[in-house]
Amino acid sequence: MLTAGIVGLPNVGKSTLFNALVANAKATAANFPFCTIEPNTGIVAVPDERLNVLSNISNSAQTVPTRMEFVDIAGLVKGASQGEGLGNQFLSHIRAVDAIVHVVRCFENDDIIHVAGSVDPIRDIDIINLELILADLAQIERRLDRTRKLARNNKEAQAEVDVLEKLVAVLNAGKPARQYNFTDEEAELVKGLELLTNKPIIYAANVSEDDLATGNSYVEQVREVAAKENAKVVIVSAQVESELVELSEEERTDFLESLGVKEGGLKSLIRATYELLGLRTYFTSGPKETRAWTIIAGMLAPQAAGVIHSDFERGFIRAETVAYEDLVATGAMNAAKEKGLVRSEGKEYVVQEGDVLLFRFNV
């Protein structure tokens, strides 16, 4: 399951956003630092309008979306890498996630105290990024102490030392590890470290309701930082997300339209995460159920089948494949077959976004 860790300074709207994204989450949103002591997790369905369309075509008894887990990690502060504000404890939780959602305060509100006393997105981003860099440096230095001893008589250990020393130089320059151009071999050598600054990052610019459609000068500052890091920026409003929780689907649509936006923060964040991680969705659909599955772009048919069950990958024979658009246009699987739109694909087929697949395999 895809996992995203939500981080940020205290009082930037991080836990409020989490609570709204995961309506049944139990994170506490309070106007003081460290109100979230343990990481709160919430599993949400990934919104995909195609699911219901396919379910209706197949007259499925069940419709099952793919899911994503959000982890709300307590607010970091300056000095977190040295343990300030229980920082070490919280930083350890970030290592397990696939991507980081960094919530940045881009709104003015005298009633919500900023931990640094004023709204300054670039300063806030720098504080969090520096703490992540320092945490990675400390971890790499510990690893280097052990690996250098082995490197005298071990070529692989020497190769690891070489890449770790290069990373130290990058981090000491104030840059995240993801800005280093890893070779495949180097990436494999440091994979086990789960470096915080090597994780893909999305900046969630948290704005007021009035700025959701257009953003503001603070959002532009966040975009400037993100552009240098090849990171993504999503404009969200924790305030709006909190209000959406109480509304019906129709009311949500009307409310968002009145604000000049087409979708809420959940859809925006999930879409950005999928794009950032290079993920794709394929479907299985029949009378029993219609289900969405998440795969990595470039996966071959047997690997995609393995996402359902390892037996499917081991015994893979072929995949009966039809594009979502073709199936919808014809209105039924049999009609798509009659028009020659259903193909039989083998082990070398690269699964495409929106493919509807039926796997044939030996048990």
Protein backbone atom coordinates (compact mmCIF):
# COMPACT_ATOMS: atom_id res chain seq x y z
CA MET A 1 0.00 0.00 0.00
CA LEU A 2 1.25 3.48 -0.89
CA THR A 3 2.18 5.50 2.22
CA ALA A 4 2.68 9.25 2.53
CA GLY A 5 3.98 10.93 5.67
CA ILE A 6 2.56 14.36 6.47
CA VAL A 7 5.17 16.63 8.07
CA GLY A 8 5.50 20.30 8.93
CA LEU A 9 6.14 22.74 11.72
CA PRO A 10 3.59 22.92 14.55
CA ASN A 11 0.45 24.95 13.85
CA VAL A 12 0.69 24.96 10.06
CA GLY A 13 -2.59 23.06 9.72
CA LYS A 14 -0.98 19.65 9.33
CA SER A 15 -3.15 17.64 11.73
CA THR A 16 -6.26 19.56 10.72
CA LEU A 17 -5.57 18.54 7.13
CA PHE A 18 -4.94 14.94 8.18
CA ASN A 19 -8.19 14.80 10.13
CA ALA A 20 -10.06 16.10 7.12
CA LEU A 21 -8.35 13.75 4.66
CA VAL A 22 -9.08 10.80 6.89
CA ALA A 23 -12.48 11.62 8.30
CA ASN A 24 -12.36 8.91 10.97
CA ALA A 25 -8.78 9.64 12.04
CA LYS A 26 -8.14 10.35 15.69
CA ALA A 27 -5.32 12.88 15.41
CA THR A 28 -5.76 15.84 17.71
CA ALA A 29 -5.68 19.25 16.10
CA ALA A 30 -4.95 21.75 18.86
CA ASN A 31 -3.42 25.18 18.98
CA PHE A 32 -0.17 24.16 20.67
CA PRO A 33 2.97 22.26 19.60
CA PHE A 34 3.33 18.47 19.98
CA CYS A 35 -0.39 17.76 20.27
CA THR A 36 0.27 14.75 18.04
CA ILE A 37 2.64 12.55 20.03
CA GLU A 38 2.36 9.23 18.16
CA PRO A 39 2.06 9.04 14.38
CA ASN A 40 -1.58 8.69 13.44
CA THR A 41 -2.35 6.62 10.39
CA GLY A 42 -5.41 6.65 8.21
CA ILE A 43 -6.22 4.56 5.16
CA VAL A 44 -8.25 6.28 2.47
CA ALA A 45 -9.82 5.07 -0.74
CA VAL A 46 -8.16 6.52 -3.83
CA PRO A 47 -10.93 8.40 -5.70
CA ASP A 48 -11.35 7.17 -9.28
CA GLU A 49 -14.52 7.89 -11.24
CA ARG A 50 -13.65 5.09 -13.68
CA LEU A 51 -14.38 2.45 -11.06
CA ASN A 52 -18.14 3.05 -10.91
CA VAL A 53 -18.35 3.20 -14.70
CA LEU A 54 -16.68 -0.20 -15.02
CA SER A 55 -18.72 -1.60 -12.16
CA ASN A 56 -21.94 -0.62 -13.94
CA ILE A 57 -20.77 -2.16 -17.22
CA SER A 58 -19.93 -5.46 -15.48
CA ASN A 59 -22.89 -5.26 -13.09
CA SER A 60 -20.39 -6.01 -10.31
CA ALA A 61 -21.54 -7.04 -6.85
CA GLN A 62 -18.62 -5.10 -5.31
CA THR A 63 -16.57 -2.06 -6.21
CA VAL A 64 -13.15 -1.96 -4.55
CA PRO A 65 -10.87 1.08 -4.90
CA THR A 66 -7.14 0.95 -4.35
CA ARG A 67 -6.05 2.51 -1.08
CA MET A 68 -3.46 4.89 0.27
CA GLU A 69 -2.19 5.41 3.80
CA PHE A 70 -1.50 8.83 5.28
CA VAL A 71 0.72 9.08 8.36
CA ASP A 72 0.38 12.22 10.47
CA ILE A 73 3.79 12.86 12.04
CA ALA A 74 4.00 15.27 14.97
CA GLY A 75 5.21 18.79 14.24
CA LEU A 76 8.95 19.10 13.82
CA VAL A 77 10.87 22.06 15.21
CA LYS A 78 14.35 23.50 14.85
CA GLY A 79 16.75 21.05 16.50
CA ALA A 80 14.57 17.99 15.82
CA SER A 81 17.54 16.06 14.45
CA GLN A 82 19.20 16.46 17.86
CA GLY A 83 16.03 15.43 19.67
CA GLU A 84 14.37 18.83 20.22
CA GLY A 85 10.62 18.49 20.60
CA LEU A 86 10.90 14.68 20.58
CA GLY A 87 12.26 15.10 17.05
CA ASN A 88 14.30 11.91 16.80
CA GLN A 89 11.22 9.87 17.61
CA PHE A 90 9.20 11.57 14.90
CA LEU A 91 11.97 11.49 12.29
CA SER A 92 12.17 7.71 12.63
CA HIS A 93 8.54 7.44 11.54
CA ILE A 94 9.25 9.25 8.26
CA ARG A 95 11.78 6.62 7.16
CA ALA A 96 9.03 4.07 6.52
CA VAL A 97 6.95 6.16 4.09
CA ASP A 98 7.07 6.20 0.27
CA ALA A 99 6.69 9.97 -0.07
CA ILE A 100 6.64 13.06 2.14
CA VAL A 101 3.85 15.62 2.13
CA HIS A 102 5.34 18.78 3.63
CA VAL A 103 2.54 21.09 4.78
CA VAL A 104 3.59 24.75 4.61
CA ARG A 105 1.56 27.52 6.21
CA CYS A 106 0.52 30.05 3.57
CA PHE A 107 -2.25 31.84 5.46
CA GLU A 108 -2.51 34.65 8.00
CA ASN A 109 -4.55 34.07 11.16
CA ASP A 110 -3.87 35.90 14.42
CA ASP A 111 -5.84 33.26 16.34
CA ILE A 112 -3.46 30.46 15.33
CA ILE A 113 -0.02 31.06 16.81
CA HIS A 114 2.93 30.30 14.54
CA VAL A 115 5.72 28.56 16.40
CA ALA A 116 8.24 31.05 14.91
CA GLY A 117 6.01 34.08 15.47
CA SER A 118 5.31 34.96 11.83
CA VAL A 119 4.32 33.44 8.48
CA ASP A 120 7.36 32.81 6.29
CA PRO A 121 7.12 29.75 3.99
CA ILE A 122 10.76 29.77 2.87
CA ARG A 123 12.04 29.92 6.46
CA ASP A 124 9.66 27.14 7.47
CA ILE A 125 10.71 24.93 4.56
CA ASP A 126 14.37 25.55 5.33
CA ILE A 127 13.88 24.55 8.98
CA ILE A 128 12.27 21.22 8.10
CA ASN A 129 14.66 20.46 5.26
CA LEU A 130 17.70 21.27 7.40
CA GLU A 131 16.50 18.93 10.13
CA LEU A 132 16.02 16.13 7.59
CA ILE A 133 19.48 16.82 6.13
CA LEU A 134 21.12 16.77 9.58
CA ALA A 135 19.33 13.53 10.45
CA ASP A 136 20.60 11.94 7.21
CA LEU A 137 24.13 13.21 7.81
CA ALA A 138 24.17 11.68 11.29
CA GLN A 139 22.97 8.35 9.93
CA ILE A 140 25.48 8.35 7.06
CA GLU A 141 28.37 9.20 9.39
CA ARG A 142 27.45 6.26 11.62
CA ARG A 143 27.31 4.00 8.59
CA LEU A 144 30.66 5.31 7.31
CA ASP A 145 32.36 4.52 10.61
CA ARG A 146 31.43 0.86 10.19
CA THR A 147 31.87 0.59 6.43
CA ARG A 148 35.33 2.16 6.22
CA LYS A 149 36.72 -0.63 8.39
CA LEU A 150 35.33 -3.24 5.98
CA ALA A 151 36.41 -1.36 2.87
CA ARG A 152 40.09 -2.25 3.25
CA ASN A 153 39.45 -5.78 2.00
CA ASN A 154 36.01 -5.53 0.41
CA LYS A 155 35.29 -3.91 -2.96
CA GLU A 156 31.55 -3.62 -2.34
CA ALA A 157 32.15 -1.92 1.00
CA GLN A 158 34.56 0.50 -0.73
CA ALA A 159 31.90 1.27 -3.36
CA GLU A 160 29.48 2.05 -0.53
CA VAL A 161 32.03 4.30 1.15
CA ASP A 162 32.52 6.17 -2.13
CA VAL A 163 28.81 6.93 -2.60
CA LEU A 164 28.30 7.79 1.07
CA GLU A 165 31.16 10.30 0.95
CA LYS A 166 29.63 11.88 -2.15
CA LEU A 167 26.31 12.16 -0.31
CA VAL A 168 27.99 13.80 2.66
CA ALA A 169 29.28 16.50 0.31
CA VAL A 170 25.81 17.02 -1.16
CA LEU A 171 24.14 17.23 2.25
CA ASN A 172 26.84 19.52 3.66
CA ALA A 173 26.07 21.86 0.77
CA GLY A 174 22.51 22.09 2.12
CA LYS A 175 21.01 19.98 -0.67
CA PRO A 176 18.75 16.93 -0.23
CA ALA A 177 20.03 13.50 -1.27
CA ARG A 178 17.38 13.30 -4.03
CA GLN A 179 19.33 15.96 -5.92
CA TYR A 180 22.26 13.55 -6.27
CA ASN A 181 22.23 11.65 -9.57
CA PHE A 182 22.51 8.05 -8.35
CA THR A 183 23.63 5.25 -10.63
CA ASP A 184 21.57 2.06 -10.30
CA GLU A 185 24.42 0.45 -8.34
CA GLU A 186 24.74 3.41 -5.98
CA ALA A 187 20.99 3.54 -5.38
CA GLU A 188 21.00 -0.12 -4.40
CA LEU A 189 23.95 0.37 -2.02
CA VAL A 190 22.18 3.10 0.00
CA LYS A 191 18.63 1.78 -0.32
CA GLY A 192 18.65 0.25 3.15
CA LEU A 193 19.42 3.61 4.78
CA GLU A 194 15.98 4.97 3.77
CA LEU A 195 17.42 8.48 3.65
CA LEU A 196 14.82 11.08 4.53
CA THR A 197 16.02 13.61 1.96
CA ASN A 198 16.00 11.00 -0.78
CA LYS A 199 12.24 10.54 -0.53
CA PRO A 200 10.02 12.25 -3.11
CA ILE A 201 8.38 15.36 -1.66
CA ILE A 202 5.16 17.24 -2.26
CA TYR A 203 4.73 20.69 -0.77
CA ALA A 204 1.14 21.20 0.38
CA ALA A 205 0.64 24.96 0.49
CA ASN A 206 -2.08 25.41 3.11
CA VAL A 207 -4.12 28.52 2.29
CA SER A 208 -7.31 30.13 3.48
CA GLU A 209 -10.61 29.44 1.76
CA ASP A 210 -10.37 32.69 -0.22
CA ASP A 211 -7.01 31.75 -1.77
CA LEU A 212 -7.75 28.13 -2.69
CA ALA A 213 -8.48 28.79 -6.35
CA THR A 214 -5.72 31.28 -7.11
CA GLY A 215 -3.08 30.87 -4.41
CA ASN A 216 -1.23 33.88 -3.01
CA SER A 217 2.26 35.37 -2.71
CA TYR A 218 3.20 32.78 -0.09
CA VAL A 219 2.31 29.96 -2.50
CA GLU A 220 4.56 31.53 -5.13
CA GLN A 221 7.44 31.37 -2.65
CA VAL A 222 6.77 27.66 -2.12
CA ARG A 223 6.70 27.11 -5.89
CA GLU A 224 10.10 28.77 -6.26
CA VAL A 225 11.61 26.40 -3.69
CA ALA A 226 9.92 23.36 -5.24
CA ALA A 227 11.14 24.24 -8.74
CA LYS A 228 14.75 24.05 -7.56
CA GLU A 229 14.13 20.60 -6.06
CA ASN A 230 11.97 19.19 -8.86
CA ALA A 231 9.28 18.75 -6.21
CA LYS A 232 5.53 19.17 -6.67
CA VAL A 233 3.26 21.80 -5.13
CA VAL A 234 -0.40 21.28 -4.31
CA ILE A 235 -2.60 24.09 -3.01
CA VAL A 236 -4.85 22.85 -0.20
CA SER A 237 -7.00 24.42 2.44
CA ALA A 238 -7.28 22.50 5.69
CA GLN A 239 -10.15 24.84 6.55
CA VAL A 240 -12.07 23.85 3.41
CA GLU A 241 -11.24 20.14 3.81
CA SER A 242 -12.68 20.25 7.33
CA GLU A 243 -15.91 21.69 5.99
CA LEU A 244 -16.12 19.11 3.17
CA VAL A 245 -16.21 16.26 5.69
CA GLU A 246 -19.67 17.37 6.81
CA LEU A 247 -21.16 17.59 3.31
CA SER A 248 -22.80 15.11 0.96
CA GLU A 249 -21.12 14.35 -2.38
CA GLU A 250 -23.45 16.71 -4.24
CA GLU A 251 -22.96 19.46 -1.67
CA ARG A 252 -19.19 19.01 -1.87
CA THR A 253 -19.23 19.49 -5.62
CA ASP A 254 -21.34 22.64 -5.32
CA PHE A 255 -19.16 24.03 -2.53
CA LEU A 256 -15.91 23.45 -4.44
CA GLU A 257 -17.37 24.99 -7.58
CA SER A 258 -18.37 28.06 -5.57
CA LEU A 259 -14.72 28.39 -4.56
CA GLY A 260 -13.56 28.07 -8.16
CA VAL A 261 -11.93 24.62 -7.87
CA LYS A 262 -12.85 21.25 -9.35
CA GLU A 263 -11.54 18.91 -6.67
CA GLY A 264 -10.67 18.77 -2.99
CA GLY A 265 -7.26 18.37 -1.41
CA LEU A 266 -7.46 14.58 -1.16
CA LYS A 267 -7.73 14.09 -4.91
CA SER A 268 -5.07 16.71 -5.58
CA LEU A 269 -2.60 15.15 -3.14
CA ILE A 270 -3.17 11.60 -4.35
CA ARG A 271 -2.83 12.60 -8.00
CA ALA A 272 0.40 14.47 -7.26
CA THR A 273 1.76 11.51 -5.28
CA TYR A 274 1.00 9.10 -8.12
CA GLU A 275 2.70 11.40 -10.62
CA LEU A 276 5.71 11.91 -8.37
CA LEU A 277 6.22 8.19 -7.75
CA GLY A 278 5.46 7.16 -11.34
CA LEU A 279 2.46 5.03 -10.43
CA ARG A 280 -0.28 3.69 -12.69
CA THR A 281 -3.72 2.17 -12.18
CA TYR A 282 -5.18 -0.86 -13.91
CA PHE A 283 -8.51 -2.57 -13.34
CA THR A 284 -10.04 -6.00 -13.06
CA SER A 285 -13.79 -6.11 -13.67
CA GLY A 286 -16.43 -8.80 -13.66
CA PRO A 287 -19.77 -9.82 -12.06
CA LYS A 288 -18.11 -10.51 -8.70
CA GLU A 289 -16.20 -7.25 -8.35
CA THR A 290 -14.56 -4.31 -10.08
CA ARG A 291 -11.25 -3.41 -8.46
CA ALA A 292 -8.46 -0.88 -8.99
CA TRP A 293 -4.81 -1.91 -8.62
CA THR A 294 -1.74 0.29 -8.26
CA ILE A 295 1.50 -0.57 -10.08
CA ILE A 296 4.77 1.12 -10.96
CA ALA A 297 4.95 2.55 -14.48
CA GLY A 298 6.73 0.14 -16.81
CA MET A 299 5.60 -3.03 -15.06
CA LEU A 300 5.15 -6.05 -17.31
CA ALA A 301 1.92 -8.06 -17.27
CA PRO A 302 3.26 -10.87 -15.03
CA GLN A 303 4.48 -8.32 -12.45
CA ALA A 304 1.12 -6.55 -12.54
CA ALA A 305 -0.58 -9.90 -12.01
CA GLY A 306 1.70 -10.47 -9.02
CA VAL A 307 0.21 -7.41 -7.34
CA ILE A 308 -3.01 -9.41 -7.03
CA HIS A 309 -1.33 -12.64 -5.94
CA SER A 310 2.13 -14.14 -6.30
CA ASP A 311 0.56 -17.27 -7.84
CA PHE A 312 -0.71 -15.12 -10.72
CA GLU A 313 2.83 -14.02 -11.52
CA ARG A 314 4.40 -17.46 -11.16
CA GLY A 315 1.80 -19.19 -13.32
CA PHE A 316 1.19 -16.34 -15.77
CA ILE A 317 0.07 -17.46 -19.25
CA ARG A 318 -1.41 -14.34 -20.81
CA ALA A 319 -3.51 -11.25 -20.11
CA GLU A 320 -6.72 -10.43 -21.93
CA THR A 321 -6.48 -6.66 -22.25
CA VAL A 322 -8.78 -3.84 -23.25
CA ALA A 323 -8.28 -0.11 -22.78
CA TYR A 324 -10.73 1.58 -20.41
CA GLU A 325 -11.87 4.03 -23.11
CA ASP A 326 -12.52 1.23 -25.61
CA LEU A 327 -14.56 -0.78 -23.12
CA VAL A 328 -16.65 2.25 -22.17
CA ALA A 329 -17.18 3.20 -25.82
CA THR A 330 -18.52 -0.26 -26.69
CA GLY A 331 -20.46 -0.66 -23.44
CA ALA A 332 -19.66 -4.34 -22.80
CA MET A 333 -16.76 -6.77 -22.86
CA ASN A 334 -18.42 -8.97 -25.51
CA ALA A 335 -19.01 -5.95 -27.75
CA ALA A 336 -15.36 -4.92 -27.33
CA LYS A 337 -14.29 -8.44 -28.32
CA GLU A 338 -16.49 -8.37 -31.42
CA LYS A 339 -14.79 -5.15 -32.51
CA GLY A 340 -11.35 -6.67 -31.98
CA LEU A 341 -10.52 -4.31 -29.12
CA VAL A 342 -9.68 -7.05 -26.62
CA ARG A 343 -6.10 -8.23 -27.09
CA SER A 344 -4.21 -11.26 -25.82
CA GLU A 345 -0.92 -10.03 -24.38
CA GLY A 346 2.06 -12.09 -23.23
CA LYS A 347 4.86 -11.80 -20.70
CA GLU A 348 6.56 -8.82 -22.37
CA TYR A 349 3.48 -6.57 -22.39
CA VAL A 350 3.91 -3.29 -20.52
CA VAL A 351 0.67 -2.56 -18.68
CA GLN A 352 -0.80 0.85 -19.55
CA GLU A 353 -2.74 3.34 -17.44
CA GLY A 354 -6.41 2.37 -17.39
CA ASP A 355 -6.00 -1.14 -18.81
CA VAL A 356 -8.79 -3.54 -17.90
CA LEU A 357 -7.14 -6.95 -17.50
CA LEU A 358 -8.17 -10.57 -17.13
CA PHE A 359 -5.23 -12.80 -16.25
CA ARG A 360 -4.92 -16.40 -17.40
CA PHE A 361 -2.53 -18.48 -15.31
CA ASN A 362 -1.62 -21.99 -14.21
CA VAL A 363 -2.02 -22.83 -10.55
